[in-house]
Amino acid sequence: MNIIIIDDDYLVSSALTTILEASGEIKVSAVGTDGKEAVSLYREHRPDVLLLDIRMKEMNGLEASETILKEFPEAKILLLTTFSDDKYIIKALKLGAKGYLLKQDYANILPALHAVHSGQTVFGHEIVAKIPHLIHTADSFDYPSYGISERELDIIRLIADGLSNREIASQLFLSEGTVRNYLSMILDKLSLRDRTQLAVFYYQHK
């Protein structure tokens, strides 16, 4: 898996490069120090995953994510920060970032990269616990009128709870392929882009 690391602390990016490449599963194609570099390096290397700090000078990680996702909607961005600031979490969710981890969650960075690369969305446990309280609720949503079945609604709830496809499959006694098919149909019915938007949508209309 090819990744790019963007962090304004050279020691952090160097340590991450050493540790991740030592796993034998990751190749760090480039390292940058701010959001502007993130945009230019993404255009140049088209990494499988962009590992991106949030608080940086010039252009921060959220601004860089927004720019990259407008140009490359399929970009897989994993935000890594020391801050669990509520406004950052909300913006990351709404932008369509594939993950948001605290740097303190160090042991989970490698598995999170693999999960994001495989198409899953990853938010640290501390972040997941905050999401329902951060998103303003709207009126309840009439899912049946959009053709959403009870089984599909079960899957929506579990995605909103932060479960992976494998975990959902285990809980509902389905295959992972069936869960993926359900997710694809749900996104199509609700005109949403990915599971992150689906989780946000669910909490907005809960």
N, C-alpha and C. Protein backbone atom coordinates (compact mmCIF):
# COMPACT_ATOMS: atom_id res chain seq x y z
N MET A 1 0.84 -1.19 0.00
CA MET A 1 0.00 0.00 0.00
C MET A 1 0.88 1.25 0.00
N ASN A 2 0.63 2.15 -0.92
CA ASN A 2 1.38 3.41 -0.99
C ASN A 2 0.62 4.51 -0.26
N ILE A 3 1.32 5.21 0.63
CA ILE A 3 0.69 6.30 1.36
C ILE A 3 1.56 7.55 1.31
N ILE A 4 0.95 8.67 1.64
CA ILE A 4 1.67 9.93 1.85
C ILE A 4 1.39 10.36 3.29
N ILE A 5 2.41 10.88 3.96
CA ILE A 5 2.26 11.37 5.32
C ILE A 5 2.48 12.88 5.32
N ILE A 6 1.53 13.62 5.87
CA ILE A 6 1.65 15.07 5.98
C ILE A 6 1.51 15.45 7.45
N ASP A 7 2.58 16.01 8.01
CA ASP A 7 2.56 16.44 9.41
C ASP A 7 3.61 17.54 9.57
N ASP A 8 3.25 18.62 10.26
CA ASP A 8 4.20 19.72 10.39
C ASP A 8 5.30 19.44 11.42
N ASP A 9 5.21 18.33 12.10
CA ASP A 9 6.25 17.91 13.03
C ASP A 9 7.10 16.84 12.34
N TYR A 10 8.32 17.20 11.97
CA TYR A 10 9.17 16.29 11.22
C TYR A 10 9.45 15.01 12.00
N LEU A 11 9.58 15.12 13.33
CA LEU A 11 9.85 13.94 14.14
C LEU A 11 8.69 12.94 14.06
N VAL A 12 7.47 13.47 14.05
CA VAL A 12 6.29 12.61 13.97
C VAL A 12 6.26 11.89 12.63
N SER A 13 6.43 12.64 11.53
CA SER A 13 6.36 12.02 10.20
C SER A 13 7.51 11.02 10.00
N SER A 14 8.68 11.33 10.54
CA SER A 14 9.81 10.40 10.43
C SER A 14 9.55 9.12 11.20
N ALA A 15 9.02 9.27 12.41
CA ALA A 15 8.73 8.10 13.25
C ALA A 15 7.66 7.23 12.59
N LEU A 16 6.62 7.88 12.06
CA LEU A 16 5.56 7.13 11.40
C LEU A 16 6.08 6.40 10.16
N THR A 17 6.92 7.08 9.39
CA THR A 17 7.50 6.46 8.20
C THR A 17 8.28 5.20 8.58
N THR A 18 9.15 5.33 9.59
CA THR A 18 9.97 4.20 10.03
C THR A 18 9.12 3.03 10.50
N ILE A 19 8.15 3.33 11.35
CA ILE A 19 7.33 2.27 11.94
C ILE A 19 6.44 1.60 10.90
N LEU A 20 5.79 2.40 10.06
CA LEU A 20 4.87 1.83 9.08
C LEU A 20 5.61 1.02 8.01
N GLU A 21 6.76 1.54 7.55
CA GLU A 21 7.50 0.80 6.52
C GLU A 21 8.13 -0.47 7.10
N ALA A 22 8.42 -0.46 8.40
CA ALA A 22 8.99 -1.64 9.04
C ALA A 22 8.00 -2.80 9.06
N SER A 23 6.72 -2.48 8.92
CA SER A 23 5.71 -3.53 8.91
C SER A 23 5.80 -4.39 7.64
N GLY A 24 6.45 -3.84 6.61
CA GLY A 24 6.55 -4.54 5.34
C GLY A 24 5.29 -4.45 4.50
N GLU A 25 4.29 -3.73 5.00
CA GLU A 25 3.00 -3.64 4.30
C GLU A 25 2.75 -2.26 3.72
N ILE A 26 3.59 -1.30 4.08
CA ILE A 26 3.37 0.10 3.70
C ILE A 26 4.61 0.66 3.02
N LYS A 27 4.39 1.42 1.94
CA LYS A 27 5.46 2.20 1.34
C LYS A 27 5.06 3.67 1.41
N VAL A 28 5.89 4.48 2.05
CA VAL A 28 5.63 5.92 2.14
C VAL A 28 6.21 6.58 0.90
N SER A 29 5.33 7.02 0.01
CA SER A 29 5.77 7.59 -1.27
C SER A 29 6.33 8.99 -1.12
N ALA A 30 5.80 9.74 -0.14
CA ALA A 30 6.25 11.12 0.06
C ALA A 30 5.84 11.59 1.45
N VAL A 31 6.54 12.62 1.92
CA VAL A 31 6.25 13.23 3.22
C VAL A 31 6.17 14.74 3.01
N GLY A 32 5.18 15.39 3.63
CA GLY A 32 5.05 16.84 3.53
C GLY A 32 4.77 17.45 4.88
N THR A 33 4.75 18.79 4.93
CA THR A 33 4.63 19.48 6.21
C THR A 33 3.43 20.41 6.32
N ASP A 34 2.67 20.60 5.23
CA ASP A 34 1.48 21.45 5.34
C ASP A 34 0.45 21.07 4.28
N GLY A 35 -0.71 21.71 4.36
CA GLY A 35 -1.81 21.35 3.49
C GLY A 35 -1.53 21.60 2.01
N LYS A 36 -0.79 22.65 1.71
CA LYS A 36 -0.47 22.93 0.30
C LYS A 36 0.37 21.80 -0.29
N GLU A 37 1.32 21.32 0.51
CA GLU A 37 2.11 20.18 0.05
C GLU A 37 1.24 18.94 -0.09
N ALA A 38 0.28 18.79 0.81
CA ALA A 38 -0.62 17.63 0.73
C ALA A 38 -1.33 17.60 -0.62
N VAL A 39 -1.83 18.75 -1.05
CA VAL A 39 -2.55 18.83 -2.32
C VAL A 39 -1.62 18.51 -3.49
N SER A 40 -0.44 19.15 -3.53
CA SER A 40 0.48 18.94 -4.66
C SER A 40 1.03 17.52 -4.67
N LEU A 41 1.35 16.97 -3.49
CA LEU A 41 1.88 15.61 -3.43
C LEU A 41 0.81 14.58 -3.79
N TYR A 42 -0.44 14.86 -3.40
CA TYR A 42 -1.52 13.93 -3.78
C TYR A 42 -1.66 13.91 -5.30
N ARG A 43 -1.65 15.06 -5.92
CA ARG A 43 -1.77 15.13 -7.38
C ARG A 43 -0.63 14.36 -8.06
N GLU A 44 0.56 14.46 -7.48
CA GLU A 44 1.73 13.83 -8.10
C GLU A 44 1.75 12.32 -7.91
N HIS A 45 1.43 11.86 -6.70
CA HIS A 45 1.63 10.44 -6.36
C HIS A 45 0.35 9.59 -6.38
N ARG A 46 -0.82 10.23 -6.23
CA ARG A 46 -2.09 9.50 -6.15
C ARG A 46 -1.98 8.29 -5.20
N PRO A 47 -1.73 8.52 -3.93
CA PRO A 47 -1.52 7.42 -2.98
C PRO A 47 -2.79 6.62 -2.74
N ASP A 48 -2.62 5.41 -2.21
CA ASP A 48 -3.78 4.61 -1.81
C ASP A 48 -4.50 5.28 -0.64
N VAL A 49 -3.71 5.83 0.29
CA VAL A 49 -4.27 6.54 1.44
C VAL A 49 -3.39 7.75 1.76
N LEU A 50 -4.02 8.85 2.09
CA LEU A 50 -3.31 10.05 2.55
C LEU A 50 -3.48 10.16 4.06
N LEU A 51 -2.37 10.10 4.79
CA LEU A 51 -2.38 10.24 6.25
C LEU A 51 -2.06 11.69 6.55
N LEU A 52 -3.02 12.41 7.12
CA LEU A 52 -2.95 13.87 7.12
C LEU A 52 -3.22 14.47 8.50
N ASP A 53 -2.27 15.26 8.97
CA ASP A 53 -2.46 16.00 10.22
C ASP A 53 -3.48 17.12 9.98
N ILE A 54 -4.09 17.63 11.05
CA ILE A 54 -5.08 18.69 10.88
C ILE A 54 -4.49 20.08 11.11
N ARG A 55 -3.90 20.30 12.27
CA ARG A 55 -3.42 21.64 12.60
C ARG A 55 -2.04 21.88 12.00
N MET A 56 -2.02 22.68 10.93
CA MET A 56 -0.77 23.03 10.26
C MET A 56 -0.85 24.46 9.76
N LYS A 57 0.30 25.09 9.56
CA LYS A 57 0.34 26.45 9.04
C LYS A 57 0.02 26.44 7.55
N GLU A 58 -0.15 27.63 7.00
CA GLU A 58 -0.49 27.81 5.58
C GLU A 58 -1.89 27.29 5.30
N MET A 59 -2.03 26.00 5.09
CA MET A 59 -3.33 25.38 4.83
C MET A 59 -3.46 24.18 5.76
N ASN A 60 -4.54 24.13 6.56
CA ASN A 60 -4.66 23.01 7.50
C ASN A 60 -5.19 21.75 6.81
N GLY A 61 -5.23 20.66 7.55
CA GLY A 61 -5.60 19.38 6.98
C GLY A 61 -7.02 19.31 6.46
N LEU A 62 -7.93 20.00 7.12
CA LEU A 62 -9.33 20.00 6.67
C LEU A 62 -9.48 20.78 5.36
N GLU A 63 -8.78 21.91 5.26
CA GLU A 63 -8.82 22.70 4.02
C GLU A 63 -8.20 21.89 2.87
N ALA A 64 -7.10 21.21 3.17
CA ALA A 64 -6.45 20.38 2.16
C ALA A 64 -7.37 19.23 1.73
N SER A 65 -8.04 18.62 2.71
CA SER A 65 -8.97 17.52 2.40
C SER A 65 -10.07 17.99 1.47
N GLU A 66 -10.62 19.16 1.77
CA GLU A 66 -11.71 19.70 0.95
C GLU A 66 -11.25 19.92 -0.48
N THR A 67 -10.05 20.49 -0.64
CA THR A 67 -9.51 20.75 -1.97
C THR A 67 -9.28 19.44 -2.73
N ILE A 68 -8.67 18.47 -2.05
CA ILE A 68 -8.36 17.18 -2.69
C ILE A 68 -9.63 16.44 -3.07
N LEU A 69 -10.61 16.40 -2.17
CA LEU A 69 -11.84 15.65 -2.43
C LEU A 69 -12.69 16.28 -3.55
N LYS A 70 -12.56 17.58 -3.73
CA LYS A 70 -13.27 18.23 -4.85
C LYS A 70 -12.67 17.77 -6.18
N GLU A 71 -11.35 17.63 -6.19
CA GLU A 71 -10.65 17.23 -7.42
C GLU A 71 -10.64 15.71 -7.60
N PHE A 72 -10.53 15.00 -6.47
CA PHE A 72 -10.45 13.54 -6.50
C PHE A 72 -11.47 12.97 -5.50
N PRO A 73 -12.74 12.87 -5.88
CA PRO A 73 -13.79 12.42 -4.94
C PRO A 73 -13.53 11.04 -4.35
N GLU A 74 -12.71 10.24 -5.04
CA GLU A 74 -12.44 8.89 -4.57
C GLU A 74 -11.27 8.84 -3.57
N ALA A 75 -10.66 9.98 -3.28
CA ALA A 75 -9.49 10.03 -2.39
C ALA A 75 -9.81 9.45 -1.02
N LYS A 76 -8.88 8.66 -0.51
CA LYS A 76 -9.03 8.07 0.82
C LYS A 76 -8.11 8.81 1.79
N ILE A 77 -8.72 9.59 2.65
CA ILE A 77 -7.96 10.45 3.57
C ILE A 77 -8.22 10.03 5.00
N LEU A 78 -7.14 9.77 5.72
CA LEU A 78 -7.21 9.43 7.14
C LEU A 78 -6.59 10.58 7.92
N LEU A 79 -7.41 11.27 8.69
CA LEU A 79 -6.94 12.42 9.47
C LEU A 79 -6.38 11.92 10.79
N LEU A 80 -5.22 12.46 11.14
CA LEU A 80 -4.53 12.04 12.35
C LEU A 80 -4.17 13.30 13.13
N THR A 81 -4.64 13.40 14.37
CA THR A 81 -4.43 14.63 15.11
C THR A 81 -4.35 14.38 16.61
N THR A 82 -3.80 15.34 17.33
CA THR A 82 -3.78 15.24 18.80
C THR A 82 -5.03 15.86 19.39
N PHE A 83 -5.88 16.43 18.52
CA PHE A 83 -7.03 17.19 19.01
C PHE A 83 -8.34 16.48 18.69
N SER A 84 -9.19 16.29 19.70
CA SER A 84 -10.53 15.74 19.45
C SER A 84 -11.53 16.89 19.48
N ASP A 85 -11.15 18.01 18.87
CA ASP A 85 -11.98 19.20 18.82
C ASP A 85 -13.28 18.91 18.07
N ASP A 86 -14.41 19.24 18.70
CA ASP A 86 -15.71 18.89 18.14
C ASP A 86 -15.93 19.45 16.73
N LYS A 87 -15.51 20.70 16.53
CA LYS A 87 -15.79 21.31 15.22
C LYS A 87 -14.96 20.64 14.12
N TYR A 88 -13.78 20.12 14.47
CA TYR A 88 -12.97 19.39 13.50
C TYR A 88 -13.65 18.07 13.12
N ILE A 89 -14.18 17.39 14.13
CA ILE A 89 -14.83 16.10 13.88
C ILE A 89 -16.02 16.28 12.95
N ILE A 90 -16.85 17.29 13.23
CA ILE A 90 -18.03 17.53 12.40
C ILE A 90 -17.62 17.83 10.96
N LYS A 91 -16.62 18.69 10.79
CA LYS A 91 -16.22 19.05 9.43
C LYS A 91 -15.62 17.86 8.71
N ALA A 92 -14.83 17.05 9.41
CA ALA A 92 -14.24 15.84 8.80
C ALA A 92 -15.33 14.91 8.31
N LEU A 93 -16.38 14.73 9.11
CA LEU A 93 -17.50 13.88 8.73
C LEU A 93 -18.19 14.42 7.48
N LYS A 94 -18.47 15.69 7.48
CA LYS A 94 -19.22 16.29 6.38
C LYS A 94 -18.41 16.36 5.10
N LEU A 95 -17.07 16.49 5.23
CA LEU A 95 -16.22 16.53 4.04
C LEU A 95 -16.15 15.19 3.34
N GLY A 96 -16.30 14.11 4.12
CA GLY A 96 -16.17 12.78 3.54
C GLY A 96 -14.82 12.14 3.76
N ALA A 97 -14.08 12.63 4.79
CA ALA A 97 -12.83 11.96 5.15
C ALA A 97 -13.15 10.52 5.57
N LYS A 98 -12.22 9.61 5.29
CA LYS A 98 -12.47 8.19 5.55
C LYS A 98 -12.12 7.78 6.98
N GLY A 99 -11.52 8.69 7.73
CA GLY A 99 -11.20 8.33 9.11
C GLY A 99 -10.67 9.51 9.87
N TYR A 100 -10.76 9.43 11.18
CA TYR A 100 -10.30 10.48 12.07
C TYR A 100 -9.79 9.79 13.33
N LEU A 101 -8.48 9.78 13.51
CA LEU A 101 -7.88 9.12 14.66
C LEU A 101 -7.06 10.11 15.47
N LEU A 102 -7.03 9.90 16.76
CA LEU A 102 -6.13 10.68 17.61
C LEU A 102 -4.75 10.04 17.57
N LYS A 103 -3.72 10.87 17.59
CA LYS A 103 -2.35 10.34 17.54
C LYS A 103 -2.06 9.46 18.75
N GLN A 104 -2.78 9.72 19.83
CA GLN A 104 -2.60 8.88 21.02
C GLN A 104 -3.06 7.44 20.75
N ASP A 105 -3.88 7.28 19.72
CA ASP A 105 -4.42 5.97 19.33
C ASP A 105 -3.41 5.25 18.43
N TYR A 106 -2.15 5.34 18.81
CA TYR A 106 -1.01 4.98 17.96
C TYR A 106 -1.08 3.55 17.43
N ALA A 107 -1.47 2.61 18.28
CA ALA A 107 -1.49 1.20 17.89
C ALA A 107 -2.49 0.91 16.78
N ASN A 108 -3.46 1.82 16.62
CA ASN A 108 -4.52 1.56 15.63
C ASN A 108 -4.26 2.20 14.27
N ILE A 109 -3.12 2.89 14.12
CA ILE A 109 -2.87 3.59 12.85
C ILE A 109 -2.71 2.61 11.69
N LEU A 110 -1.89 1.56 11.87
CA LEU A 110 -1.69 0.59 10.79
C LEU A 110 -2.99 -0.12 10.42
N PRO A 111 -3.73 -0.70 11.38
CA PRO A 111 -5.00 -1.33 10.99
C PRO A 111 -5.99 -0.34 10.40
N ALA A 112 -5.94 0.92 10.86
CA ALA A 112 -6.84 1.93 10.30
C ALA A 112 -6.51 2.21 8.83
N LEU A 113 -5.21 2.24 8.50
CA LEU A 113 -4.80 2.44 7.11
C LEU A 113 -5.32 1.31 6.23
N HIS A 114 -5.21 0.08 6.72
CA HIS A 114 -5.71 -1.06 5.95
C HIS A 114 -7.23 -0.99 5.78
N ALA A 115 -7.93 -0.60 6.84
CA ALA A 115 -9.39 -0.51 6.78
C ALA A 115 -9.82 0.55 5.77
N VAL A 116 -9.19 1.72 5.81
CA VAL A 116 -9.52 2.80 4.88
C VAL A 116 -9.19 2.37 3.45
N HIS A 117 -8.06 1.72 3.28
CA HIS A 117 -7.67 1.25 1.94
C HIS A 117 -8.69 0.28 1.37
N SER A 118 -9.30 -0.52 2.24
CA SER A 118 -10.28 -1.52 1.78
C SER A 118 -11.68 -0.92 1.60
N GLY A 119 -11.81 0.39 1.86
CA GLY A 119 -13.08 1.05 1.62
C GLY A 119 -13.92 1.31 2.85
N GLN A 120 -13.39 0.96 4.02
CA GLN A 120 -14.14 1.20 5.25
C GLN A 120 -13.85 2.60 5.80
N THR A 121 -14.68 3.01 6.70
CA THR A 121 -14.49 4.29 7.38
C THR A 121 -14.09 4.01 8.82
N VAL A 122 -13.10 4.73 9.30
CA VAL A 122 -12.55 4.45 10.63
C VAL A 122 -12.56 5.72 11.49
N PHE A 123 -13.21 5.62 12.63
CA PHE A 123 -13.14 6.68 13.62
C PHE A 123 -12.79 6.06 14.95
N GLY A 124 -11.83 6.65 15.66
CA GLY A 124 -11.42 6.12 16.95
C GLY A 124 -12.61 6.02 17.90
N HIS A 125 -12.51 5.13 18.89
CA HIS A 125 -13.62 4.90 19.81
C HIS A 125 -14.07 6.19 20.49
N GLU A 126 -13.12 7.02 20.86
CA GLU A 126 -13.46 8.29 21.52
C GLU A 126 -14.27 9.19 20.59
N ILE A 127 -13.93 9.15 19.28
CA ILE A 127 -14.62 9.97 18.30
C ILE A 127 -16.04 9.44 18.05
N VAL A 128 -16.15 8.12 17.88
CA VAL A 128 -17.46 7.50 17.62
C VAL A 128 -18.44 7.83 18.73
N ALA A 129 -17.95 7.81 19.98
CA ALA A 129 -18.81 8.07 21.12
C ALA A 129 -19.37 9.49 21.09
N LYS A 130 -18.63 10.41 20.45
CA LYS A 130 -19.06 11.81 20.42
C LYS A 130 -20.05 12.12 19.31
N ILE A 131 -20.00 11.35 18.22
CA ILE A 131 -20.73 11.72 17.00
C ILE A 131 -22.22 12.00 17.23
N PRO A 132 -22.95 11.12 17.93
CA PRO A 132 -24.39 11.39 18.08
C PRO A 132 -24.71 12.72 18.75
N HIS A 133 -23.79 13.18 19.61
CA HIS A 133 -24.04 14.42 20.36
C HIS A 133 -23.58 15.66 19.60
N LEU A 134 -22.84 15.44 18.51
CA LEU A 134 -22.28 16.57 17.78
C LEU A 134 -23.16 17.04 16.64
N ILE A 135 -23.95 16.12 16.10
CA ILE A 135 -24.73 16.43 14.91
C ILE A 135 -26.16 16.82 15.29
N HIS A 136 -26.56 17.98 14.83
CA HIS A 136 -27.91 18.43 15.16
C HIS A 136 -28.95 17.52 14.52
N THR A 137 -29.96 17.18 15.25
CA THR A 137 -31.00 16.29 14.72
C THR A 137 -32.07 17.09 13.99
N ALA A 138 -32.64 16.46 12.99
CA ALA A 138 -33.77 17.05 12.25
C ALA A 138 -34.99 16.20 12.52
N ASP A 139 -36.08 16.49 11.80
CA ASP A 139 -37.27 15.68 11.97
C ASP A 139 -36.97 14.24 11.57
N SER A 140 -37.70 13.29 12.14
CA SER A 140 -37.48 11.89 11.83
C SER A 140 -37.70 11.66 10.33
N PHE A 141 -36.96 10.71 9.79
CA PHE A 141 -36.95 10.49 8.34
C PHE A 141 -37.80 9.27 8.01
N ASP A 142 -38.56 9.37 6.92
CA ASP A 142 -39.44 8.28 6.49
C ASP A 142 -38.67 7.35 5.55
N TYR A 143 -37.89 6.45 6.15
CA TYR A 143 -37.07 5.53 5.36
C TYR A 143 -37.88 4.66 4.41
N PRO A 144 -39.03 4.10 4.83
CA PRO A 144 -39.80 3.23 3.92
C PRO A 144 -40.20 3.91 2.61
N SER A 145 -40.41 5.22 2.69
CA SER A 145 -40.81 5.92 1.46
C SER A 145 -39.67 5.98 0.44
N TYR A 146 -38.46 5.71 0.89
CA TYR A 146 -37.31 5.65 -0.01
C TYR A 146 -36.93 4.21 -0.33
N GLY A 147 -37.81 3.28 0.04
CA GLY A 147 -37.57 1.88 -0.27
C GLY A 147 -36.59 1.19 0.65
N ILE A 148 -36.34 1.77 1.83
CA ILE A 148 -35.41 1.19 2.79
C ILE A 148 -36.14 0.14 3.63
N SER A 149 -35.68 -1.11 3.55
CA SER A 149 -36.31 -2.19 4.30
C SER A 149 -35.84 -2.20 5.75
N GLU A 150 -36.48 -3.03 6.57
CA GLU A 150 -36.06 -3.14 7.97
C GLU A 150 -34.63 -3.65 8.07
N ARG A 151 -34.26 -4.62 7.24
CA ARG A 151 -32.90 -5.14 7.26
C ARG A 151 -31.90 -4.07 6.88
N GLU A 152 -32.24 -3.27 5.87
CA GLU A 152 -31.36 -2.17 5.47
C GLU A 152 -31.24 -1.13 6.57
N LEU A 153 -32.33 -0.88 7.29
CA LEU A 153 -32.28 0.07 8.39
C LEU A 153 -31.41 -0.47 9.52
N ASP A 154 -31.45 -1.77 9.75
CA ASP A 154 -30.54 -2.38 10.74
C ASP A 154 -29.09 -2.13 10.36
N ILE A 155 -28.79 -2.28 9.08
CA ILE A 155 -27.42 -2.07 8.60
C ILE A 155 -27.02 -0.60 8.74
N ILE A 156 -27.95 0.31 8.44
CA ILE A 156 -27.67 1.74 8.61
C ILE A 156 -27.31 2.04 10.06
N ARG A 157 -28.09 1.50 11.00
CA ARG A 157 -27.83 1.75 12.43
C ARG A 157 -26.46 1.23 12.84
N LEU A 158 -26.10 0.06 12.36
CA LEU A 158 -24.81 -0.53 12.74
C LEU A 158 -23.64 0.23 12.12
N ILE A 159 -23.82 0.72 10.90
CA ILE A 159 -22.79 1.57 10.28
C ILE A 159 -22.62 2.85 11.10
N ALA A 160 -23.74 3.43 11.52
CA ALA A 160 -23.69 4.65 12.33
C ALA A 160 -23.02 4.40 13.67
N ASP A 161 -23.07 3.16 14.15
CA ASP A 161 -22.40 2.79 15.40
C ASP A 161 -20.92 2.53 15.21
N GLY A 162 -20.45 2.61 13.95
CA GLY A 162 -19.03 2.45 13.68
C GLY A 162 -18.58 1.04 13.37
N LEU A 163 -19.51 0.11 13.13
CA LEU A 163 -19.13 -1.27 12.85
C LEU A 163 -18.64 -1.43 11.42
N SER A 164 -17.67 -2.31 11.22
CA SER A 164 -17.16 -2.63 9.89
C SER A 164 -18.11 -3.59 9.19
N ASN A 165 -17.89 -3.79 7.90
CA ASN A 165 -18.73 -4.76 7.15
C ASN A 165 -18.64 -6.15 7.77
N ARG A 166 -17.44 -6.54 8.18
CA ARG A 166 -17.26 -7.87 8.78
C ARG A 166 -18.04 -7.99 10.08
N GLU A 167 -18.00 -6.94 10.91
CA GLU A 167 -18.72 -6.97 12.18
C GLU A 167 -20.23 -7.00 11.97
N ILE A 168 -20.68 -6.24 10.97
CA ILE A 168 -22.12 -6.24 10.65
C ILE A 168 -22.55 -7.61 10.16
N ALA A 169 -21.74 -8.19 9.29
CA ALA A 169 -22.06 -9.52 8.75
C ALA A 169 -22.18 -10.54 9.88
N SER A 170 -21.26 -10.47 10.84
CA SER A 170 -21.28 -11.41 11.96
C SER A 170 -22.53 -11.21 12.82
N GLN A 171 -22.87 -9.95 13.07
CA GLN A 171 -24.00 -9.66 13.95
C GLN A 171 -25.34 -10.02 13.31
N LEU A 172 -25.43 -9.85 11.99
CA LEU A 172 -26.71 -10.10 11.30
C LEU A 172 -26.73 -11.46 10.59
N PHE A 173 -25.68 -12.25 10.79
CA PHE A 173 -25.59 -13.58 10.18
C PHE A 173 -25.70 -13.51 8.66
N LEU A 174 -24.93 -12.58 8.09
CA LEU A 174 -24.86 -12.41 6.64
C LEU A 174 -23.42 -12.56 6.19
N SER A 175 -23.20 -12.70 4.89
CA SER A 175 -21.83 -12.67 4.37
C SER A 175 -21.40 -11.22 4.19
N GLU A 176 -20.08 -10.99 4.15
CA GLU A 176 -19.58 -9.63 3.92
C GLU A 176 -20.04 -9.12 2.56
N GLY A 177 -20.07 -10.02 1.57
CA GLY A 177 -20.53 -9.61 0.23
C GLY A 177 -21.97 -9.13 0.24
N THR A 178 -22.80 -9.80 1.03
CA THR A 178 -24.21 -9.38 1.13
C THR A 178 -24.31 -8.01 1.79
N VAL A 179 -23.51 -7.79 2.83
CA VAL A 179 -23.51 -6.48 3.50
C VAL A 179 -23.07 -5.40 2.53
N ARG A 180 -22.03 -5.68 1.73
CA ARG A 180 -21.57 -4.69 0.74
C ARG A 180 -22.67 -4.39 -0.27
N ASN A 181 -23.37 -5.42 -0.69
CA ASN A 181 -24.46 -5.20 -1.65
C ASN A 181 -25.58 -4.35 -1.04
N TYR A 182 -25.93 -4.66 0.21
CA TYR A 182 -26.94 -3.86 0.90
C TYR A 182 -26.50 -2.40 0.99
N LEU A 183 -25.23 -2.20 1.38
CA LEU A 183 -24.72 -0.83 1.54
C LEU A 183 -24.79 -0.09 0.21
N SER A 184 -24.42 -0.74 -0.87
CA SER A 184 -24.47 -0.10 -2.18
C SER A 184 -25.90 0.32 -2.53
N MET A 185 -26.86 -0.55 -2.25
CA MET A 185 -28.26 -0.23 -2.55
C MET A 185 -28.77 0.91 -1.67
N ILE A 186 -28.37 0.90 -0.39
CA ILE A 186 -28.80 1.96 0.53
C ILE A 186 -28.28 3.32 0.06
N LEU A 187 -26.99 3.37 -0.29
CA LEU A 187 -26.39 4.63 -0.74
C LEU A 187 -27.10 5.13 -1.99
N ASP A 188 -27.44 4.21 -2.88
CA ASP A 188 -28.12 4.59 -4.11
C ASP A 188 -29.52 5.14 -3.81
N LYS A 189 -30.25 4.47 -2.92
CA LYS A 189 -31.61 4.90 -2.59
C LYS A 189 -31.64 6.27 -1.92
N LEU A 190 -30.61 6.55 -1.10
CA LEU A 190 -30.60 7.82 -0.35
C LEU A 190 -29.73 8.88 -1.03
N SER A 191 -29.18 8.54 -2.20
CA SER A 191 -28.32 9.48 -2.96
C SER A 191 -27.15 9.98 -2.11
N LEU A 192 -26.49 9.05 -1.43
CA LEU A 192 -25.34 9.39 -0.60
C LEU A 192 -24.09 8.77 -1.21
N ARG A 193 -22.92 9.31 -0.84
CA ARG A 193 -21.68 8.92 -1.49
C ARG A 193 -20.99 7.72 -0.82
N ASP A 194 -20.99 7.72 0.52
CA ASP A 194 -20.24 6.67 1.21
C ASP A 194 -20.80 6.45 2.60
N ARG A 195 -20.21 5.52 3.35
CA ARG A 195 -20.74 5.16 4.67
C ARG A 195 -20.59 6.29 5.67
N THR A 196 -19.61 7.17 5.49
CA THR A 196 -19.48 8.32 6.39
C THR A 196 -20.68 9.23 6.25
N GLN A 197 -21.04 9.56 5.01
CA GLN A 197 -22.22 10.39 4.78
C GLN A 197 -23.47 9.70 5.30
N LEU A 198 -23.52 8.39 5.18
CA LEU A 198 -24.67 7.63 5.66
C LEU A 198 -24.80 7.75 7.18
N ALA A 199 -23.67 7.64 7.89
CA ALA A 199 -23.69 7.78 9.36
C ALA A 199 -24.15 9.17 9.77
N VAL A 200 -23.62 10.19 9.08
CA VAL A 200 -24.03 11.57 9.37
C VAL A 200 -25.52 11.74 9.10
N PHE A 201 -25.98 11.22 7.98
CA PHE A 201 -27.41 11.30 7.60
C PHE A 201 -28.27 10.67 8.68
N TYR A 202 -27.87 9.49 9.15
CA TYR A 202 -28.65 8.79 10.17
C TYR A 202 -28.79 9.61 11.44
N TYR A 203 -27.69 10.18 11.91
CA TYR A 203 -27.75 10.95 13.15
C TYR A 203 -28.48 12.27 12.98
N GLN A 204 -28.44 12.83 11.77
CA GLN A 204 -29.17 14.06 11.50
C GLN A 204 -30.69 13.83 11.55
N HIS A 205 -31.11 12.61 11.21
CA HIS A 205 -32.54 12.33 11.10
C HIS A 205 -33.03 11.33 12.13
N LYS A 206 -32.24 11.13 13.14
CA LYS A 206 -32.61 10.14 14.18
C LYS A 206 -33.77 10.66 15.02
